[in-house]
């Protein structure tokens, strides 16, 4: 099993990511994230792997990778569609520096899942307060 880590570009918080994905799922199921880079280790990703989303500078949630579909850019270049489970699973927040594209993430390096009740409480905090508390190492 292998995971990916990817910046969530656009959404300022997990709730916004959730809304954007729900909209995409309703328009063109199943839920896919398209990427120009085709994972060479795709079999390992679909064998229980997840994509860990970095939202506003922190790894916040993960989604199971169910399949990888081949696709094409409008200009004919190949691309890959990561078929994702619709559930966003909260994980222990970790600060992450910006990077381009996605990276492989070994299971031992992945942040652990959070209990649902703890995640709901943190999501209720204003984003700026959450960020400041994390920077201080309090959450």
Protein backbone atom coordinates (compact mmCIF):
# COMPACT_ATOMS: atom_id res chain seq x y z
CA UNK A 1 0.00 0.00 0.00
CA UNK A 2 1.11 3.52 -0.82
CA UNK A 3 -0.42 7.00 -0.42
CA UNK A 4 -0.20 10.36 -2.16
CA UNK A 5 -0.01 13.85 -0.67
CA UNK A 6 -1.40 16.79 -2.67
CA UNK A 7 -2.10 20.48 -2.15
CA UNK A 8 -5.77 21.36 -2.33
CA UNK A 9 -5.61 24.48 -4.49
CA UNK A 10 -8.51 26.87 -4.02
CA UNK A 11 -10.44 25.72 -0.94
CA UNK A 12 -9.56 27.71 2.18
CA UNK A 13 -10.84 25.01 4.55
CA UNK A 14 -12.09 21.43 4.60
CA UNK A 15 -15.74 22.49 4.40
CA UNK A 16 -15.05 24.29 1.11
CA UNK A 17 -13.18 21.24 -0.23
CA UNK A 18 -16.14 19.06 0.76
CA UNK A 19 -18.61 21.35 -1.07
CA UNK A 20 -16.48 21.49 -4.21
CA UNK A 21 -16.15 17.72 -4.33
CA UNK A 22 -19.88 17.18 -3.70
CA UNK A 23 -20.62 19.50 -6.62
CA UNK A 24 -18.20 17.62 -8.92
CA UNK A 25 -19.59 14.26 -7.81
CA UNK A 26 -23.11 15.41 -8.66
CA UNK A 27 -22.07 16.70 -12.08
CA UNK A 28 -19.88 13.82 -13.27
CA UNK A 29 -19.71 10.70 -11.06
CA UNK A 30 -17.60 8.99 -9.88
CA UNK A 31 -15.52 11.53 -7.98
CA UNK A 32 -12.19 11.97 -9.75
CA UNK A 33 -9.11 14.10 -9.32
CA UNK A 34 -7.38 14.56 -12.67
CA UNK A 35 -3.61 14.85 -12.77
CA UNK A 36 -1.15 15.22 -15.63
CA UNK A 37 1.36 12.96 -13.93
CA UNK A 38 0.44 9.28 -14.18
CA UNK A 39 1.50 7.38 -11.04
CA UNK A 40 3.97 4.64 -11.90
CA UNK A 41 3.07 2.87 -8.65
CA UNK A 42 -0.67 2.86 -9.32
CA UNK A 43 -1.23 -0.74 -8.22
CA UNK A 44 0.12 0.13 -4.76
CA UNK A 45 -2.13 3.22 -4.55
CA UNK A 46 -5.36 1.32 -5.25
CA UNK A 47 -4.37 -1.41 -2.78
CA UNK A 48 -5.74 0.54 0.21
CA UNK A 49 -3.94 3.84 -0.39
CA UNK A 50 -5.31 7.34 0.13
CA UNK A 51 -4.68 10.86 -1.08
CA UNK A 52 -3.82 13.19 1.81
CA UNK A 53 -5.04 16.73 1.14
CA UNK A 54 -3.06 19.77 2.28
CA UNK A 55 -5.57 22.54 3.00
CA UNK A 56 -4.35 26.02 3.97
CA UNK A 57 -0.85 24.75 4.74
CA UNK A 58 -1.83 21.68 6.80
CA UNK A 59 -2.52 18.06 5.96
CA UNK A 60 -6.13 17.88 7.15
CA UNK A 61 -8.02 15.01 5.49
CA UNK A 62 -7.54 11.94 3.37
CA UNK A 63 -9.61 10.08 0.79
CA UNK A 64 -9.29 6.48 -0.33
CA UNK A 65 -8.05 5.97 -3.88
CA UNK A 66 -10.39 3.43 -5.44
CA UNK A 67 -9.05 3.26 -9.00
CA UNK A 68 -6.92 5.07 -11.54
CA UNK A 69 -8.43 5.81 -14.96
CA UNK A 70 -6.57 6.78 -18.11
CA UNK A 71 -7.63 10.01 -19.78
CA UNK A 72 -6.49 12.67 -22.19
CA UNK A 73 -5.91 16.41 -21.99
CA UNK A 74 -7.66 18.48 -24.70
CA UNK A 75 -4.29 18.71 -26.49
CA UNK A 76 -3.96 14.92 -26.58
CA UNK A 77 -1.48 14.45 -23.73
CA UNK A 78 -2.16 11.58 -21.35
CA UNK A 79 -3.55 12.20 -17.87
CA UNK A 80 -4.75 10.07 -14.98
CA UNK A 81 -8.05 10.24 -13.11
CA UNK A 82 -7.72 9.24 -9.47
CA UNK A 83 -11.13 7.83 -8.57
CA UNK A 84 -11.75 8.80 -4.94
CA UNK A 85 -14.14 7.63 -2.25
CA UNK A 86 -16.45 10.57 -1.43
CA UNK A 87 -15.71 10.46 2.32
CA UNK A 88 -13.13 12.91 3.68
CA UNK A 89 -11.48 11.29 6.69
CA UNK A 90 -10.01 13.82 9.17
CA UNK A 91 -6.37 13.26 10.08
CA UNK A 92 -4.03 14.76 12.65
CA UNK A 93 -3.08 18.15 11.21
CA UNK A 94 0.50 18.60 10.08
CA UNK A 95 2.09 21.73 8.68
CA UNK A 96 3.40 21.23 5.16
CA UNK A 97 5.40 23.50 2.92
CA UNK A 98 4.03 24.17 -0.55
CA UNK A 99 5.10 21.89 -3.38
CA UNK A 100 4.01 21.27 -6.95
CA UNK A 101 2.00 18.27 -8.09
CA UNK A 102 1.68 15.32 -5.78
CA UNK A 103 4.18 13.19 -3.89
CA UNK A 104 4.19 9.59 -2.75
CA UNK A 105 3.62 9.22 0.98
CA UNK A 106 4.64 6.03 2.75
CA UNK A 107 2.16 4.63 5.28
CA UNK A 108 4.62 5.14 8.17
CA UNK A 109 4.90 8.86 7.33
CA UNK A 110 1.15 9.46 6.99
CA UNK A 111 -0.64 11.30 9.81
CA UNK A 112 -3.06 9.16 11.84
CA UNK A 113 -6.82 9.49 11.52
CA UNK A 114 -8.64 11.65 14.08
CA UNK A 115 -11.71 10.52 16.01
CA UNK A 116 -14.80 12.07 14.38
CA UNK A 117 -15.84 14.05 17.48
CA UNK A 118 -12.40 15.67 17.81
CA UNK A 119 -12.34 16.60 14.12
CA UNK A 120 -15.80 18.21 14.29
CA UNK A 121 -14.72 20.36 17.22
CA UNK A 122 -11.61 21.57 15.39
CA UNK A 123 -13.57 22.30 12.22
CA UNK A 124 -15.92 24.52 14.21
CA UNK A 125 -13.05 26.89 15.07
CA UNK A 126 -12.42 29.84 12.76
CA UNK A 127 -9.60 29.03 10.30
CA UNK A 128 -7.32 31.82 11.58
CA UNK A 129 -7.65 30.60 15.19
CA UNK A 130 -7.00 26.98 14.11
CA UNK A 131 -3.86 28.09 12.26
CA UNK A 132 -2.55 30.09 15.22
CA UNK A 133 -3.20 27.22 17.66
CA UNK A 134 -1.36 24.79 15.36
CA UNK A 135 1.58 27.15 14.97
CA UNK A 136 1.82 27.29 18.76
CA UNK A 137 1.71 23.48 18.90
CA UNK A 138 -1.51 23.44 20.93
CA UNK A 139 -3.51 21.35 18.48
